[in-house]
Amino acid sequence: MFVLERIYIPDASPKYPTVVPARDFDPARDAARIDTAIKTKGVDEQTIIDILTRRSCEQRREIAFEYERFAKKDLVSALKGALSGSLEALILGLMKSTAQYDASELKASMKGLGTDEETLIEIVCSRNNEELADIKRVYKEMFKKDLEKDVAGDTSGNFAKLLLALVQTRRDEPSNVVDYEKIDEDARALYEAGVKRKGTDVVTWIEIMSQRSVPHLQKVFERYKSYSPYDMKESIRKEVKGDLEKSFLTLVECFENRQLYFANRLNEAMKSKGAKEKVVTRIIVSRCEVDLIKIRTEFKKHFKRSLYQTITEHTKGDYQKALLSLCGGDD
C-alpha cells in the first residue's frame, strides 16, 4: 500500500555567492582606474583583479559601458590586449553573465576537430532546468544556432541521446506531494533496465534520469537499493562505459549533492603538482555568483583543507590572486 505525502518545497533555489555587488559602486571611477591600469607600462594586473573580481556581473556590465563611453573602445578587447594566459581567460569569463559564460564554454567544447566531452558533460549534466533554459536562450542569441543541433551534430549514440534529453529541459519541477508508488515504480524500472537483465536498456535510464524531479530521484535511488545488490553509482559503473558512464555518474552525483560534485571536480583538477587551470577557472567563474560558498564548505568537509589553501598551493602569480579573490576567503 503506497501513500502520498505532502512536503514543503521552497521557491527558487537560494544563492550562496562569494561575489556580491560592491557597495558605494561608481562605474565611471572603476572604468577610469582600469584604463590607467591597462595603460601602465607592464600593465597593472592587480588593480584589474581587485576591481573585476569584487564586482557583480551587473556591475561589470556598467563598468564596460562607462569604459566604452570615455575610452571610445571596447573593454573586452582592451583586456584581451593587456592580459594573457589563464588570467586573461578568467577575467574575460567574468565579463560575461553566468549563462553567457556557460554557453561560450559549451560552444568552445564543440568547436573544430574533436569534442571536449569532459566540458560538455560537466556543464550539461550539472546544470538544473532553469540554468539550462537560460543557457539555451543565450546560446541562440550569441551564436545564432540551437544548442540542441550543435550537441546532436557533435556527439553520437546513447551519449548523444542522454545529452539531448537533458538539453530539452523536460525535467519535472519538484512537487509538494511525495508519490511513493511512482518512486517504487521508477526504482524497479531502473533495476530491470540494467542490473537485472543482460545488456542495458539505456533509453529507460535516460527517460527517468532526464525527466523526474531531483527530490523524486533522490528517493528513487534510496528505494533502488532494496531491488539491486549495487547502489545506483555502482550499477552505472557495471552497466555502461566511456562518456555515457561519466554522464550518468555526473547526473547522480549532482542529484545527490551538486556542490560536492563541484568540490570533487576542483579537488581532482588540483591533485597533481600543477592544476588543470581550465577546469579550475570554469568552476570558480561559473559558480562564484551562484553557490561557491557551499562548494567551499563541501570542499573543506571532504578534503580536510580549505579550497583557498588548495588554490594557494597549486596555482601562482596574478592568476592565483584572481582565483583567491573570487574564492572569497579561507575556511
C-alpha atoms as a PDB file:
ATOM      1  CA  MET A   1       0.000   0.000   0.000  1.00  0.00           C
ATOM      2  CA  PHE A   2       1.577   3.262  -1.132  1.00  0.00           C
ATOM      3  CA  VAL A   3       0.664   6.673   0.194  1.00  0.00           C
ATOM      4  CA  LEU A   4       1.030  10.228  -0.990  1.00  0.00           C
ATOM      5  CA  GLU A   5       2.700  12.602   1.412  1.00  0.00           C
ATOM      6  CA  ARG A   6       2.729  16.416   1.278  1.00  0.00           C
ATOM      7  CA  ILE A   7       6.010  18.210   1.820  1.00  0.00           C
ATOM      8  CA  TYR A   8       7.048  21.859   1.738  1.00  0.00           C
ATOM      9  CA  ILE A   9       9.011  22.971  -1.328  1.00  0.00           C
ATOM     10  CA  PRO A  10      10.785  26.338  -1.044  1.00  0.00           C
ATOM     11  CA  ASP A  11      10.683  28.647  -4.078  1.00  0.00           C
ATOM     12  CA  ALA A  12      13.664  29.058  -6.455  1.00  0.00           C
ATOM     13  CA  SER A  13      16.996  27.705  -5.290  1.00  0.00           C
ATOM     14  CA  PRO A  14      18.665  30.157  -2.884  1.00  0.00           C
ATOM     15  CA  LYS A  15      22.035  31.577  -3.877  1.00  0.00           C
ATOM     16  CA  TYR A  16      25.302  31.229  -1.969  1.00  0.00           C
ATOM     17  CA  PRO A  17      27.640  33.545  -3.887  1.00  0.00           C
ATOM     18  CA  THR A  18      31.167  34.576  -2.924  1.00  0.00           C
ATOM     19  CA  VAL A  19      30.918  37.564  -5.268  1.00  0.00           C
ATOM     20  CA  VAL A  20      28.222  40.088  -4.398  1.00  0.00           C
ATOM     21  CA  PRO A  21      27.516  43.652  -5.582  1.00  0.00           C
ATOM     22  CA  ALA A  22      30.061  46.148  -4.229  1.00  0.00           C
ATOM     23  CA  ARG A  23      28.763  48.958  -2.042  1.00  0.00           C
ATOM     24  CA  ASP A  24      29.401  52.614  -2.954  1.00  0.00           C
ATOM     25  CA  PHE A  25      29.779  51.457  -6.530  1.00  0.00           C
ATOM     26  CA  ASP A  26      30.997  54.052  -9.021  1.00  0.00           C
ATOM     27  CA  PRO A  27      31.301  52.548 -12.517  1.00  0.00           C
ATOM     28  CA  ALA A  28      32.936  55.651 -14.016  1.00  0.00           C
ATOM     29  CA  ARG A  29      35.658  55.642 -11.354  1.00  0.00           C
ATOM     30  CA  ASP A  30      36.232  51.889 -11.826  1.00  0.00           C
ATOM     31  CA  ALA A  31      36.418  52.318 -15.606  1.00  0.00           C
ATOM     32  CA  ALA A  32      38.978  55.115 -15.271  1.00  0.00           C
ATOM     33  CA  ARG A  33      41.117  53.050 -12.875  1.00  0.00           C
ATOM     34  CA  ILE A  34      41.036  50.080 -15.255  1.00  0.00           C
ATOM     35  CA  ASP A  35      42.002  52.345 -18.151  1.00  0.00           C
ATOM     36  CA  THR A  36      45.022  53.604 -16.198  1.00  0.00           C
ATOM     37  CA  ALA A  37      45.937  50.029 -15.197  1.00  0.00           C
ATOM     38  CA  ILE A  38      45.862  48.882 -18.834  1.00  0.00           C
ATOM     39  CA  LYS A  39      47.967  51.830 -19.991  1.00  0.00           C
ATOM     40  CA  THR A  40      50.586  51.405 -17.265  1.00  0.00           C
ATOM     41  CA  LYS A  41      53.928  50.147 -18.548  1.00  0.00           C
ATOM     42  CA  GLY A  42      53.845  46.378 -17.999  1.00  0.00           C
ATOM     43  CA  VAL A  43      50.116  46.533 -17.098  1.00  0.00           C
ATOM     44  CA  ASP A  44      48.874  46.878 -13.517  1.00  0.00           C
ATOM     45  CA  GLU A  45      47.142  43.483 -13.216  1.00  0.00           C
ATOM     46  CA  GLN A  46      46.489  43.878  -9.505  1.00  0.00           C
ATOM     47  CA  THR A  47      44.093  46.813 -10.000  1.00  0.00           C
ATOM     48  CA  ILE A  48      42.225  44.978 -12.768  1.00  0.00           C
ATOM     49  CA  ILE A  49      41.882  41.924 -10.496  1.00  0.00           C
ATOM     50  CA  ASP A  50      40.837  43.985  -7.455  1.00  0.00           C
ATOM     51  CA  ILE A  51      38.067  45.694  -9.362  1.00  0.00           C
ATOM     52  CA  LEU A  52      36.651  42.995 -11.620  1.00  0.00           C
ATOM     53  CA  THR A  53      36.717  40.092  -9.127  1.00  0.00           C
ATOM     54  CA  ARG A  54      34.946  42.176  -6.477  1.00  0.00           C
ATOM     55  CA  ARG A  55      32.034  43.444  -8.569  1.00  0.00           C
ATOM     56  CA  SER A  56      28.868  41.606  -9.549  1.00  0.00           C
ATOM     57  CA  CYS A  57      28.154  40.680 -13.158  1.00  0.00           C
ATOM     58  CA  GLU A  58      25.661  43.548 -13.412  1.00  0.00           C
ATOM     59  CA  GLN A  59      28.265  45.994 -12.103  1.00  0.00           C
ATOM     60  CA  ARG A  60      30.935  44.754 -14.522  1.00  0.00           C
ATOM     61  CA  ARG A  61      28.486  45.421 -17.331  1.00  0.00           C
ATOM     62  CA  GLU A  62      28.090  49.019 -16.145  1.00  0.00           C
ATOM     63  CA  ILE A  63      31.882  49.419 -15.938  1.00  0.00           C
ATOM     64  CA  ALA A  64      32.190  48.173 -19.526  1.00  0.00           C
ATOM     65  CA  PHE A  65      29.549  50.683 -20.626  1.00  0.00           C
ATOM     66  CA  GLU A  66      31.348  53.595 -18.917  1.00  0.00           C
ATOM     67  CA  TYR A  67      34.708  52.442 -20.256  1.00  0.00           C
ATOM     68  CA  GLU A  68      33.479  52.418 -23.828  1.00  0.00           C
ATOM     69  CA  ARG A  69      31.906  55.843 -23.350  1.00  0.00           C
ATOM     70  CA  PHE A  70      35.099  57.626 -22.411  1.00  0.00           C
ATOM     71  CA  ALA A  71      37.889  55.408 -23.813  1.00  0.00           C
ATOM     72  CA  LYS A  72      35.998  55.026 -27.129  1.00  0.00           C
ATOM     73  CA  LYS A  73      36.892  51.345 -27.261  1.00  0.00           C
ATOM     74  CA  ASP A  74      35.509  48.048 -26.078  1.00  0.00           C
ATOM     75  CA  LEU A  75      36.658  46.946 -22.602  1.00  0.00           C
ATOM     76  CA  VAL A  76      36.808  43.252 -23.506  1.00  0.00           C
ATOM     77  CA  SER A  77      39.154  43.975 -26.461  1.00  0.00           C
ATOM     78  CA  ALA A  78      41.295  46.209 -24.251  1.00  0.00           C
ATOM     79  CA  LEU A  79      41.566  43.475 -21.593  1.00  0.00           C
ATOM     80  CA  LYS A  80      42.423  40.903 -24.278  1.00  0.00           C
ATOM     81  CA  GLY A  81      45.268  43.093 -25.424  1.00  0.00           C
ATOM     82  CA  ALA A  82      46.552  43.740 -21.899  1.00  0.00           C
ATOM     83  CA  LEU A  83      46.356  40.271 -20.350  1.00  0.00           C
ATOM     84  CA  SER A  84      47.392  36.763 -21.350  1.00  0.00           C
ATOM     85  CA  GLY A  85      47.156  33.102 -20.395  1.00  0.00           C
ATOM     86  CA  SER A  86      44.987  31.824 -17.562  1.00  0.00           C
ATOM     87  CA  LEU A  87      44.465  35.282 -16.065  1.00  0.00           C
ATOM     88  CA  GLU A  88      43.106  36.535 -19.384  1.00  0.00           C
ATOM     89  CA  ALA A  89      40.714  33.565 -19.670  1.00  0.00           C
ATOM     90  CA  LEU A  90      39.459  34.150 -16.132  1.00  0.00           C
ATOM     91  CA  ILE A  91      38.932  37.923 -16.475  1.00  0.00           C
ATOM     92  CA  LEU A  92      37.229  37.589 -19.873  1.00  0.00           C
ATOM     93  CA  GLY A  93      34.984  34.931 -18.320  1.00  0.00           C
ATOM     94  CA  LEU A  94      33.943  37.436 -15.662  1.00  0.00           C
ATOM     95  CA  MET A  95      32.865  39.898 -18.357  1.00  0.00           C
ATOM     96  CA  LYS A  96      30.058  37.506 -19.327  1.00  0.00           C
ATOM     97  CA  SER A  97      26.920  36.625 -17.392  1.00  0.00           C
ATOM     98  CA  THR A  98      26.856  33.115 -15.891  1.00  0.00           C
ATOM     99  CA  ALA A  99      24.614  31.844 -18.713  1.00  0.00           C
ATOM    100  CA  GLN A 100      26.761  33.538 -21.397  1.00  0.00           C
ATOM    101  CA  TYR A 101      29.886  32.040 -19.864  1.00  0.00           C
ATOM    102  CA  ASP A 102      28.388  28.529 -19.788  1.00  0.00           C
ATOM    103  CA  ALA A 103      27.142  28.951 -23.362  1.00  0.00           C
ATOM    104  CA  SER A 104      30.623  30.053 -24.559  1.00  0.00           C
ATOM    105  CA  GLU A 105      32.282  27.144 -22.771  1.00  0.00           C
ATOM    106  CA  LEU A 106      29.847  24.730 -24.441  1.00  0.00           C
ATOM    107  CA  LYS A 107      30.476  26.307 -27.826  1.00  0.00           C
ATOM    108  CA  ALA A 108      34.257  26.058 -27.341  1.00  0.00           C
ATOM    109  CA  SER A 109      33.933  22.396 -26.312  1.00  0.00           C
ATOM    110  CA  MET A 110      32.329  21.599 -29.671  1.00  0.00           C
ATOM    111  CA  LYS A 111      34.467  23.779 -31.910  1.00  0.00           C
ATOM    112  CA  GLY A 112      36.829  22.466 -34.564  1.00  0.00           C
ATOM    113  CA  LEU A 113      38.180  18.951 -34.656  1.00  0.00           C
ATOM    114  CA  GLY A 114      37.370  16.698 -31.762  1.00  0.00           C
ATOM    115  CA  THR A 115      34.971  17.389 -28.942  1.00  0.00           C
ATOM    116  CA  ASP A 116      35.937  18.228 -25.378  1.00  0.00           C
ATOM    117  CA  GLU A 117      33.484  15.739 -23.859  1.00  0.00           C
ATOM    118  CA  GLU A 118      34.618  16.465 -20.314  1.00  0.00           C
ATOM    119  CA  THR A 119      33.395  20.078 -20.500  1.00  0.00           C
ATOM    120  CA  LEU A 120      30.225  19.080 -22.305  1.00  0.00           C
ATOM    121  CA  ILE A 121      29.386  16.515 -19.622  1.00  0.00           C
ATOM    122  CA  GLU A 122      30.275  18.832 -16.744  1.00  0.00           C
ATOM    123  CA  ILE A 123      28.027  21.654 -17.925  1.00  0.00           C
ATOM    124  CA  VAL A 124      25.062  19.770 -19.386  1.00  0.00           C
ATOM    125  CA  CYS A 125      24.830  17.186 -16.589  1.00  0.00           C
ATOM    126  CA  SER A 126      25.313  19.558 -13.641  1.00  0.00           C
ATOM    127  CA  ARG A 127      23.032  22.473 -14.534  1.00  0.00           C
ATOM    128  CA  ASN A 128      19.419  22.494 -13.412  1.00  0.00           C
ATOM    129  CA  ASN A 129      16.353  23.116 -15.593  1.00  0.00           C
ATOM    130  CA  GLU A 130      16.357  26.861 -15.046  1.00  0.00           C
ATOM    131  CA  GLU A 131      20.082  27.208 -15.784  1.00  0.00           C
ATOM    132  CA  LEU A 132      19.847  25.054 -18.925  1.00  0.00           C
ATOM    133  CA  ALA A 133      16.881  27.041 -20.220  1.00  0.00           C
ATOM    134  CA  ASP A 134      18.922  30.258 -19.768  1.00  0.00           C
ATOM    135  CA  ILE A 135      21.951  28.710 -21.450  1.00  0.00           C
ATOM    136  CA  LYS A 136      19.868  27.603 -24.458  1.00  0.00           C
ATOM    137  CA  ARG A 137      18.336  31.054 -24.896  1.00  0.00           C
ATOM    138  CA  VAL A 138      21.697  32.824 -24.592  1.00  0.00           C
ATOM    139  CA  TYR A 139      23.424  30.271 -26.855  1.00  0.00           C
ATOM    140  CA  LYS A 140      20.938  31.094 -29.584  1.00  0.00           C
ATOM    141  CA  GLU A 141      21.432  34.867 -29.078  1.00  0.00           C
ATOM    142  CA  MET A 142      25.230  34.602 -29.108  1.00  0.00           C
ATOM    143  CA  PHE A 143      25.819  32.035 -31.846  1.00  0.00           C
ATOM    144  CA  LYS A 144      22.601  32.165 -33.913  1.00  0.00           C
ATOM    145  CA  LYS A 145      22.397  28.381 -33.556  1.00  0.00           C
ATOM    146  CA  ASP A 146      20.417  25.924 -31.464  1.00  0.00           C
ATOM    147  CA  LEU A 147      22.385  24.248 -28.705  1.00  0.00           C
ATOM    148  CA  GLU A 148      20.450  21.024 -29.362  1.00  0.00           C
ATOM    149  CA  LYS A 149      21.515  20.969 -33.016  1.00  0.00           C
ATOM    150  CA  ASP A 150      25.155  21.565 -32.139  1.00  0.00           C
ATOM    151  CA  VAL A 151      25.136  18.843 -29.475  1.00  0.00           C
ATOM    152  CA  ALA A 152      23.441  16.418 -31.887  1.00  0.00           C
ATOM    153  CA  GLY A 153      25.995  17.176 -34.590  1.00  0.00           C
ATOM    154  CA  ASP A 154      28.920  16.694 -32.244  1.00  0.00           C
ATOM    155  CA  THR A 155      28.046  13.542 -30.312  1.00  0.00           C
ATOM    156  CA  SER A 156      26.614  10.141 -31.181  1.00  0.00           C
ATOM    157  CA  GLY A 157      24.836   7.076 -29.866  1.00  0.00           C
ATOM    158  CA  ASN A 158      23.387   6.868 -26.378  1.00  0.00           C
ATOM    159  CA  PHE A 159      25.723   9.619 -25.167  1.00  0.00           C
ATOM    160  CA  ALA A 160      24.035  11.977 -27.651  1.00  0.00           C
ATOM    161  CA  LYS A 161      20.580  10.720 -26.635  1.00  0.00           C
ATOM    162  CA  LEU A 162      21.258  11.455 -22.975  1.00  0.00           C
ATOM    163  CA  LEU A 163      22.707  14.939 -23.552  1.00  0.00           C
ATOM    164  CA  LEU A 164      19.833  15.864 -25.866  1.00  0.00           C
ATOM    165  CA  ALA A 165      17.251  14.613 -23.369  1.00  0.00           C
ATOM    166  CA  LEU A 166      18.852  16.898 -20.752  1.00  0.00           C
ATOM    167  CA  VAL A 167      19.138  19.891 -23.074  1.00  0.00           C
ATOM    168  CA  GLN A 168      15.435  19.547 -23.877  1.00  0.00           C
ATOM    169  CA  THR A 169      14.776  20.520 -20.207  1.00  0.00           C
ATOM    170  CA  ARG A 170      11.784  18.262 -19.702  1.00  0.00           C
ATOM    171  CA  ARG A 171      12.536  17.664 -16.045  1.00  0.00           C
ATOM    172  CA  ASP A 172       9.543  17.836 -13.688  1.00  0.00           C
ATOM    173  CA  GLU A 173       9.532  20.635 -11.161  1.00  0.00           C
ATOM    174  CA  PRO A 174       9.699  19.396  -7.553  1.00  0.00           C
ATOM    175  CA  SER A 175       6.185  18.616  -6.328  1.00  0.00           C
ATOM    176  CA  ASN A 176       4.996  19.022  -2.752  1.00  0.00           C
ATOM    177  CA  VAL A 177       3.459  15.574  -2.964  1.00  0.00           C
ATOM    178  CA  VAL A 178       5.691  12.531  -2.465  1.00  0.00           C
ATOM    179  CA  ASP A 179       4.352   9.754  -4.686  1.00  0.00           C
ATOM    180  CA  TYR A 180       5.676   6.535  -3.167  1.00  0.00           C
ATOM    181  CA  GLU A 181       4.109   4.371  -5.841  1.00  0.00           C
ATOM    182  CA  LYS A 182       5.921   6.284  -8.589  1.00  0.00           C
ATOM    183  CA  ILE A 183       9.179   6.138  -6.589  1.00  0.00           C
ATOM    184  CA  ASP A 184       8.877   2.368  -6.331  1.00  0.00           C
ATOM    185  CA  GLU A 185       7.940   2.034 -10.000  1.00  0.00           C
ATOM    186  CA  ASP A 186      10.953   4.089 -11.178  1.00  0.00           C
ATOM    187  CA  ALA A 187      13.356   2.276  -8.846  1.00  0.00           C
ATOM    188  CA  ARG A 188      12.187  -1.078 -10.172  1.00  0.00           C
ATOM    189  CA  ALA A 189      12.309   0.135 -13.795  1.00  0.00           C
ATOM    190  CA  LEU A 190      15.938   1.285 -13.343  1.00  0.00           C
ATOM    191  CA  TYR A 191      16.821  -2.104 -11.861  1.00  0.00           C
ATOM    192  CA  GLU A 192      15.030  -4.101 -14.548  1.00  0.00           C
ATOM    193  CA  ALA A 193      16.551  -1.999 -17.327  1.00  0.00           C
ATOM    194  CA  GLY A 194      20.084  -2.586 -16.061  1.00  0.00           C
ATOM    195  CA  VAL A 195      21.447  -4.891 -13.385  1.00  0.00           C
ATOM    196  CA  LYS A 196      18.611  -7.424 -13.628  1.00  0.00           C
ATOM    197  CA  ARG A 197      18.979  -8.169 -17.329  1.00  0.00           C
ATOM    198  CA  LYS A 198      21.694  -8.986 -19.822  1.00  0.00           C
ATOM    199  CA  GLY A 199      22.672  -5.762 -21.573  1.00  0.00           C
ATOM    200  CA  THR A 200      21.247  -2.379 -20.606  1.00  0.00           C
ATOM    201  CA  ASP A 201      18.032  -0.696 -21.685  1.00  0.00           C
ATOM    202  CA  VAL A 202      19.693   2.733 -21.715  1.00  0.00           C
ATOM    203  CA  VAL A 203      16.604   4.501 -23.056  1.00  0.00           C
ATOM    204  CA  THR A 204      14.685   3.759 -19.834  1.00  0.00           C
ATOM    205  CA  TRP A 205      17.570   5.086 -17.734  1.00  0.00           C
ATOM    206  CA  ILE A 206      17.726   8.240 -19.842  1.00  0.00           C
ATOM    207  CA  GLU A 207      13.994   8.813 -19.613  1.00  0.00           C
ATOM    208  CA  ILE A 208      13.837   8.518 -15.833  1.00  0.00           C
ATOM    209  CA  MET A 209      17.022  10.484 -15.153  1.00  0.00           C
ATOM    210  CA  SER A 210      16.215  13.315 -17.545  1.00  0.00           C
ATOM    211  CA  GLN A 211      12.523  13.779 -16.706  1.00  0.00           C
ATOM    212  CA  ARG A 212      11.998  13.226 -12.986  1.00  0.00           C
ATOM    213  CA  SER A 213      12.465  15.962 -10.409  1.00  0.00           C
ATOM    214  CA  VAL A 214      15.597  15.903  -8.261  1.00  0.00           C
ATOM    215  CA  PRO A 215      13.866  15.254  -4.888  1.00  0.00           C
ATOM    216  CA  HIS A 216      11.943  12.388  -6.530  1.00  0.00           C
ATOM    217  CA  LEU A 217      15.150  10.860  -7.936  1.00  0.00           C
ATOM    218  CA  GLN A 218      16.895  11.094  -4.567  1.00  0.00           C
ATOM    219  CA  LYS A 219      14.127   8.896  -3.137  1.00  0.00           C
ATOM    220  CA  VAL A 220      14.226   6.610  -6.185  1.00  0.00           C
ATOM    221  CA  PHE A 221      17.948   5.907  -5.662  1.00  0.00           C
ATOM    222  CA  GLU A 222      17.295   5.144  -1.986  1.00  0.00           C
ATOM    223  CA  ARG A 223      14.482   2.755  -2.939  1.00  0.00           C
ATOM    224  CA  TYR A 224      16.654   1.261  -5.729  1.00  0.00           C
ATOM    225  CA  LYS A 225      18.882  -0.339  -3.096  1.00  0.00           C
ATOM    226  CA  SER A 226      16.027  -2.590  -1.989  1.00  0.00           C
ATOM    227  CA  TYR A 227      15.930  -4.107  -5.506  1.00  0.00           C
ATOM    228  CA  SER A 228      19.565  -4.093  -6.557  1.00  0.00           C
ATOM    229  CA  PRO A 229      22.625  -5.554  -4.821  1.00  0.00           C
ATOM    230  CA  TYR A 230      24.519  -2.452  -6.048  1.00  0.00           C
ATOM    231  CA  ASP A 231      23.657   1.194  -5.471  1.00  0.00           C
ATOM    232  CA  MET A 232      22.944   3.434  -8.460  1.00  0.00           C
ATOM    233  CA  LYS A 233      26.535   4.583  -8.981  1.00  0.00           C
ATOM    234  CA  GLU A 234      27.933   1.045  -8.773  1.00  0.00           C
ATOM    235  CA  SER A 235      25.240  -0.095 -11.197  1.00  0.00           C
ATOM    236  CA  ILE A 236      26.206   2.623 -13.670  1.00  0.00           C
ATOM    237  CA  ARG A 237      29.870   1.547 -13.489  1.00  0.00           C
ATOM    238  CA  LYS A 238      28.896  -2.061 -14.162  1.00  0.00           C
ATOM    239  CA  GLU A 239      26.431  -1.357 -16.965  1.00  0.00           C
ATOM    240  CA  VAL A 240      27.887   1.396 -19.149  1.00  0.00           C
ATOM    241  CA  LYS A 241      31.302   2.730 -20.131  1.00  0.00           C
ATOM    242  CA  GLY A 242      33.045   5.794 -21.512  1.00  0.00           C
ATOM    243  CA  ASP A 243      31.298   9.150 -21.870  1.00  0.00           C
ATOM    244  CA  LEU A 244      27.904   7.625 -21.117  1.00  0.00           C
ATOM    245  CA  GLU A 245      29.189   6.272 -17.805  1.00  0.00           C
ATOM    246  CA  LYS A 246      30.740   9.644 -16.937  1.00  0.00           C
ATOM    247  CA  SER A 247      27.495  11.433 -17.793  1.00  0.00           C
ATOM    248  CA  PHE A 248      25.246   9.185 -15.704  1.00  0.00           C
ATOM    249  CA  LEU A 249      27.695   9.377 -12.773  1.00  0.00           C
ATOM    250  CA  THR A 250      27.782  13.180 -13.015  1.00  0.00           C
ATOM    251  CA  LEU A 251      23.979  13.283 -13.005  1.00  0.00           C
ATOM    252  CA  VAL A 252      23.662  11.028  -9.966  1.00  0.00           C
ATOM    253  CA  GLU A 253      26.375  12.938  -8.085  1.00  0.00           C
ATOM    254  CA  CYS A 254      24.601  16.227  -8.824  1.00  0.00           C
ATOM    255  CA  PHE A 255      21.195  14.856  -7.805  1.00  0.00           C
ATOM    256  CA  GLU A 256      22.718  13.740  -4.527  1.00  0.00           C
ATOM    257  CA  ASN A 257      24.816  16.832  -3.792  1.00  0.00           C
ATOM    258  CA  ARG A 258      25.646  19.252  -6.579  1.00  0.00           C
ATOM    259  CA  GLN A 259      28.107  21.348  -4.573  1.00  0.00           C
ATOM    260  CA  LEU A 260      30.021  18.237  -3.546  1.00  0.00           C
ATOM    261  CA  TYR A 261      30.272  17.303  -7.237  1.00  0.00           C
ATOM    262  CA  PHE A 262      31.947  20.658  -7.968  1.00  0.00           C
ATOM    263  CA  ALA A 263      34.191  20.311  -4.907  1.00  0.00           C
ATOM    264  CA  ASN A 264      35.300  16.889  -6.198  1.00  0.00           C
ATOM    265  CA  ARG A 265      35.997  18.315  -9.653  1.00  0.00           C
ATOM    266  CA  LEU A 266      38.110  21.085  -8.140  1.00  0.00           C
ATOM    267  CA  ASN A 267      39.999  18.620  -5.974  1.00  0.00           C
ATOM    268  CA  GLU A 268      40.676  16.369  -8.993  1.00  0.00           C
ATOM    269  CA  ALA A 269      41.858  19.364 -11.027  1.00  0.00           C
ATOM    270  CA  MET A 270      44.347  20.331  -8.312  1.00  0.00           C
ATOM    271  CA  LYS A 271      45.641  16.912  -7.332  1.00  0.00           C
ATOM    272  CA  SER A 272      48.859  16.834  -9.299  1.00  0.00           C
ATOM    273  CA  LYS A 273      51.746  19.283  -8.992  1.00  0.00           C
ATOM    274  CA  GLY A 274      50.191  21.965 -11.172  1.00  0.00           C
ATOM    275  CA  ALA A 275      46.499  22.441 -11.784  1.00  0.00           C
ATOM    276  CA  LYS A 276      44.123  21.791 -14.666  1.00  0.00           C
ATOM    277  CA  GLU A 277      43.653  25.535 -14.892  1.00  0.00           C
ATOM    278  CA  LYS A 278      40.825  25.388 -17.420  1.00  0.00           C
ATOM    279  CA  VAL A 279      38.677  23.296 -15.107  1.00  0.00           C
ATOM    280  CA  VAL A 280      39.500  25.399 -12.050  1.00  0.00           C
ATOM    281  CA  THR A 281      38.738  28.636 -13.923  1.00  0.00           C
ATOM    282  CA  ARG A 282      35.478  27.287 -15.316  1.00  0.00           C
ATOM    283  CA  ILE A 283      34.075  26.138 -11.984  1.00  0.00           C
ATOM    284  CA  ILE A 284      35.172  29.189  -9.988  1.00  0.00           C
ATOM    285  CA  VAL A 285      33.982  31.687 -12.629  1.00  0.00           C
ATOM    286  CA  SER A 286      30.682  29.922 -13.348  1.00  0.00           C
ATOM    287  CA  ARG A 287      29.744  29.332  -9.687  1.00  0.00           C
ATOM    288  CA  CYS A 288      31.094  32.450  -7.879  1.00  0.00           C
ATOM    289  CA  GLU A 289      27.738  34.222  -8.157  1.00  0.00           C
ATOM    290  CA  VAL A 290      25.705  31.046  -7.658  1.00  0.00           C
ATOM    291  CA  ASP A 291      26.870  28.630  -4.934  1.00  0.00           C
ATOM    292  CA  LEU A 292      30.631  28.869  -4.419  1.00  0.00           C
ATOM    293  CA  ILE A 293      30.211  29.375  -0.652  1.00  0.00           C
ATOM    294  CA  LYS A 294      28.539  25.966  -0.408  1.00  0.00           C
ATOM    295  CA  ILE A 295      31.158  24.402  -2.692  1.00  0.00           C
ATOM    296  CA  ARG A 296      33.830  25.746  -0.309  1.00  0.00           C
ATOM    297  CA  THR A 297      32.002  24.189   2.663  1.00  0.00           C
ATOM    298  CA  GLU A 298      31.799  20.780   0.954  1.00  0.00           C
ATOM    299  CA  PHE A 299      35.454  21.037  -0.065  1.00  0.00           C
ATOM    300  CA  LYS A 300      36.612  21.643   3.485  1.00  0.00           C
ATOM    301  CA  LYS A 301      34.340  18.935   4.892  1.00  0.00           C
ATOM    302  CA  HIS A 302      35.586  16.250   2.494  1.00  0.00           C
ATOM    303  CA  PHE A 303      39.218  17.117   1.924  1.00  0.00           C
ATOM    304  CA  LYS A 304      40.062  18.451   5.384  1.00  0.00           C
ATOM    305  CA  ARG A 305      41.626  21.582   3.928  1.00  0.00           C
ATOM    306  CA  SER A 306      40.135  24.703   2.501  1.00  0.00           C
ATOM    307  CA  LEU A 307      39.647  25.456  -1.170  1.00  0.00           C
ATOM    308  CA  TYR A 308      41.593  28.671  -0.508  1.00  0.00           C
ATOM    309  CA  GLN A 309      44.685  26.781   0.750  1.00  0.00           C
ATOM    310  CA  THR A 310      44.449  24.309  -2.126  1.00  0.00           C
ATOM    311  CA  ILE A 311      44.368  27.104  -4.709  1.00  0.00           C
ATOM    312  CA  THR A 312      47.348  28.721  -2.942  1.00  0.00           C
ATOM    313  CA  GLU A 313      49.358  25.503  -3.235  1.00  0.00           C
ATOM    314  CA  HIS A 314      48.509  24.649  -6.836  1.00  0.00           C
ATOM    315  CA  THR A 315      48.478  27.967  -8.704  1.00  0.00           C
ATOM    316  CA  LYS A 316      50.696  31.024  -8.862  1.00  0.00           C
ATOM    317  CA  GLY A 317      51.068  34.688  -9.773  1.00  0.00           C
ATOM    318  CA  ASP A 318      48.248  37.005 -10.788  1.00  0.00           C
ATOM    319  CA  TYR A 319      46.077  34.071 -11.818  1.00  0.00           C
ATOM    320  CA  GLN A 320      46.271  32.797  -8.239  1.00  0.00           C
ATOM    321  CA  LYS A 321      45.404  36.247  -6.847  1.00  0.00           C
ATOM    322  CA  ALA A 322      42.315  36.420  -9.061  1.00  0.00           C
ATOM    323  CA  LEU A 323      41.147  32.920  -8.044  1.00  0.00           C
ATOM    324  CA  LEU A 324      41.641  33.638  -4.346  1.00  0.00           C
ATOM    325  CA  SER A 325      39.698  36.870  -4.644  1.00  0.00           C
ATOM    326  CA  LEU A 326      36.786  35.039  -6.307  1.00  0.00           C
ATOM    327  CA  CYS A 327      37.039  32.266  -3.723  1.00  0.00           C
ATOM    328  CA  GLY A 328      36.217  34.982  -1.221  1.00  0.00           C
ATOM    329  CA  GLY A 329      38.026  33.756   1.870  1.00  0.00           C
ATOM    330  CA  ASP A 330      39.633  30.910   3.739  1.00  0.00           C
ATOM    331  CA  ASP A 331      37.638  28.366   5.752  1.00  0.00           C
END
